[in-house]
């Protein structure tokens, strides 16, 4: 199964991260000042997060 992963070197850790808002399965969470985290048990690999990440930090693998 394909899943989303975040490249921490590219992620800017913005508290306004669109990736966590666009996930229809609630697979992306984020604590303030930290990078988003993807819950692999919830991620379906739909790639919506890839399309909205302004930093290009999310990929489907």
C-alpha atoms as a PDB file:
ATOM      1  CA  UNK A   1       0.000   0.000   0.000  1.00  0.00           C
ATOM      2  CA  UNK A   2       1.229   3.474  -0.824  1.00  0.00           C
ATOM      3  CA  UNK A   3       1.534   5.975   2.005  1.00  0.00           C
ATOM      4  CA  UNK A   4       2.414   9.639   2.386  1.00  0.00           C
ATOM      5  CA  UNK A   5       5.747  10.535   3.956  1.00  0.00           C
ATOM      6  CA  UNK A   6       7.138  13.922   4.975  1.00  0.00           C
ATOM      7  CA  UNK A   7      10.679  14.982   4.117  1.00  0.00           C
ATOM      8  CA  UNK A   8      11.670  16.763   7.334  1.00  0.00           C
ATOM      9  CA  UNK A   9      14.478  18.609   5.538  1.00  0.00           C
ATOM     10  CA  UNK A  10      11.931  20.362   3.306  1.00  0.00           C
ATOM     11  CA  UNK A  11       9.121  20.879   5.844  1.00  0.00           C
ATOM     12  CA  UNK A  12       8.949  24.413   7.294  1.00  0.00           C
ATOM     13  CA  UNK A  13       6.894  23.288  10.344  1.00  0.00           C
ATOM     14  CA  UNK A  14       4.330  26.034   9.775  1.00  0.00           C
ATOM     15  CA  UNK A  15       1.450  26.099  12.269  1.00  0.00           C
ATOM     16  CA  UNK A  16      -0.761  26.878   9.243  1.00  0.00           C
ATOM     17  CA  UNK A  17       0.224  23.674   7.445  1.00  0.00           C
ATOM     18  CA  UNK A  18      -2.412  22.907   4.786  1.00  0.00           C
ATOM     19  CA  UNK A  19      -1.456  19.225   4.779  1.00  0.00           C
ATOM     20  CA  UNK A  20      -3.147  18.572   8.124  1.00  0.00           C
ATOM     21  CA  UNK A  21      -6.311  20.411   7.048  1.00  0.00           C
ATOM     22  CA  UNK A  22      -6.770  18.683   3.687  1.00  0.00           C
ATOM     23  CA  UNK A  23      -6.459  15.041   4.790  1.00  0.00           C
ATOM     24  CA  UNK A  24      -9.954  13.516   4.528  1.00  0.00           C
ATOM     25  CA  UNK A  25      -8.980  10.683   6.868  1.00  0.00           C
ATOM     26  CA  UNK A  26      -7.468  12.730   9.712  1.00  0.00           C
ATOM     27  CA  UNK A  27      -4.126  10.997   9.226  1.00  0.00           C
ATOM     28  CA  UNK A  28      -2.042  14.163   9.683  1.00  0.00           C
ATOM     29  CA  UNK A  29      -1.546  15.792  13.067  1.00  0.00           C
ATOM     30  CA  UNK A  30       0.858  18.452  14.258  1.00  0.00           C
ATOM     31  CA  UNK A  31       1.989  19.873  17.564  1.00  0.00           C
ATOM     32  CA  UNK A  32       2.946  23.550  17.594  1.00  0.00           C
ATOM     33  CA  UNK A  33       6.497  24.142  16.357  1.00  0.00           C
ATOM     34  CA  UNK A  34       6.950  20.546  15.253  1.00  0.00           C
ATOM     35  CA  UNK A  35       6.590  18.989  11.818  1.00  0.00           C
ATOM     36  CA  UNK A  36       3.349  17.257  10.890  1.00  0.00           C
ATOM     37  CA  UNK A  37       3.128  13.533  11.606  1.00  0.00           C
ATOM     38  CA  UNK A  38       1.323  11.030   9.379  1.00  0.00           C
ATOM     39  CA  UNK A  39      -0.514   8.167  11.056  1.00  0.00           C
ATOM     40  CA  UNK A  40       0.192   5.258   8.713  1.00  0.00           C
ATOM     41  CA  UNK A  41      -2.830   3.346  10.002  1.00  0.00           C
ATOM     42  CA  UNK A  42      -5.126   6.134   8.720  1.00  0.00           C
ATOM     43  CA  UNK A  43      -3.303   7.171   5.522  1.00  0.00           C
ATOM     44  CA  UNK A  44      -4.738   5.733   2.309  1.00  0.00           C
ATOM     45  CA  UNK A  45      -2.216   7.294  -0.081  1.00  0.00           C
ATOM     46  CA  UNK A  46      -4.857   9.502  -1.719  1.00  0.00           C
ATOM     47  CA  UNK A  47      -2.165  12.178  -2.408  1.00  0.00           C
ATOM     48  CA  UNK A  48      -4.303  15.197  -1.508  1.00  0.00           C
ATOM     49  CA  UNK A  49      -1.594  16.254   0.933  1.00  0.00           C
ATOM     50  CA  UNK A  50       1.055  16.104  -1.809  1.00  0.00           C
ATOM     51  CA  UNK A  51      -0.911  18.558  -3.935  1.00  0.00           C
ATOM     52  CA  UNK A  52      -1.245  21.209  -1.200  1.00  0.00           C
ATOM     53  CA  UNK A  53       2.183  21.166   0.464  1.00  0.00           C
ATOM     54  CA  UNK A  54       3.807  24.466  -0.557  1.00  0.00           C
ATOM     55  CA  UNK A  55       7.255  23.191   0.375  1.00  0.00           C
ATOM     56  CA  UNK A  56       7.008  19.990  -1.664  1.00  0.00           C
ATOM     57  CA  UNK A  57       7.827  18.041   1.490  1.00  0.00           C
ATOM     58  CA  UNK A  58       5.175  15.336   1.116  1.00  0.00           C
ATOM     59  CA  UNK A  59       5.540  12.370  -1.211  1.00  0.00           C
ATOM     60  CA  UNK A  60       3.668   9.134  -1.768  1.00  0.00           C
ATOM     61  CA  UNK A  61       5.886   6.056  -1.502  1.00  0.00           C
END
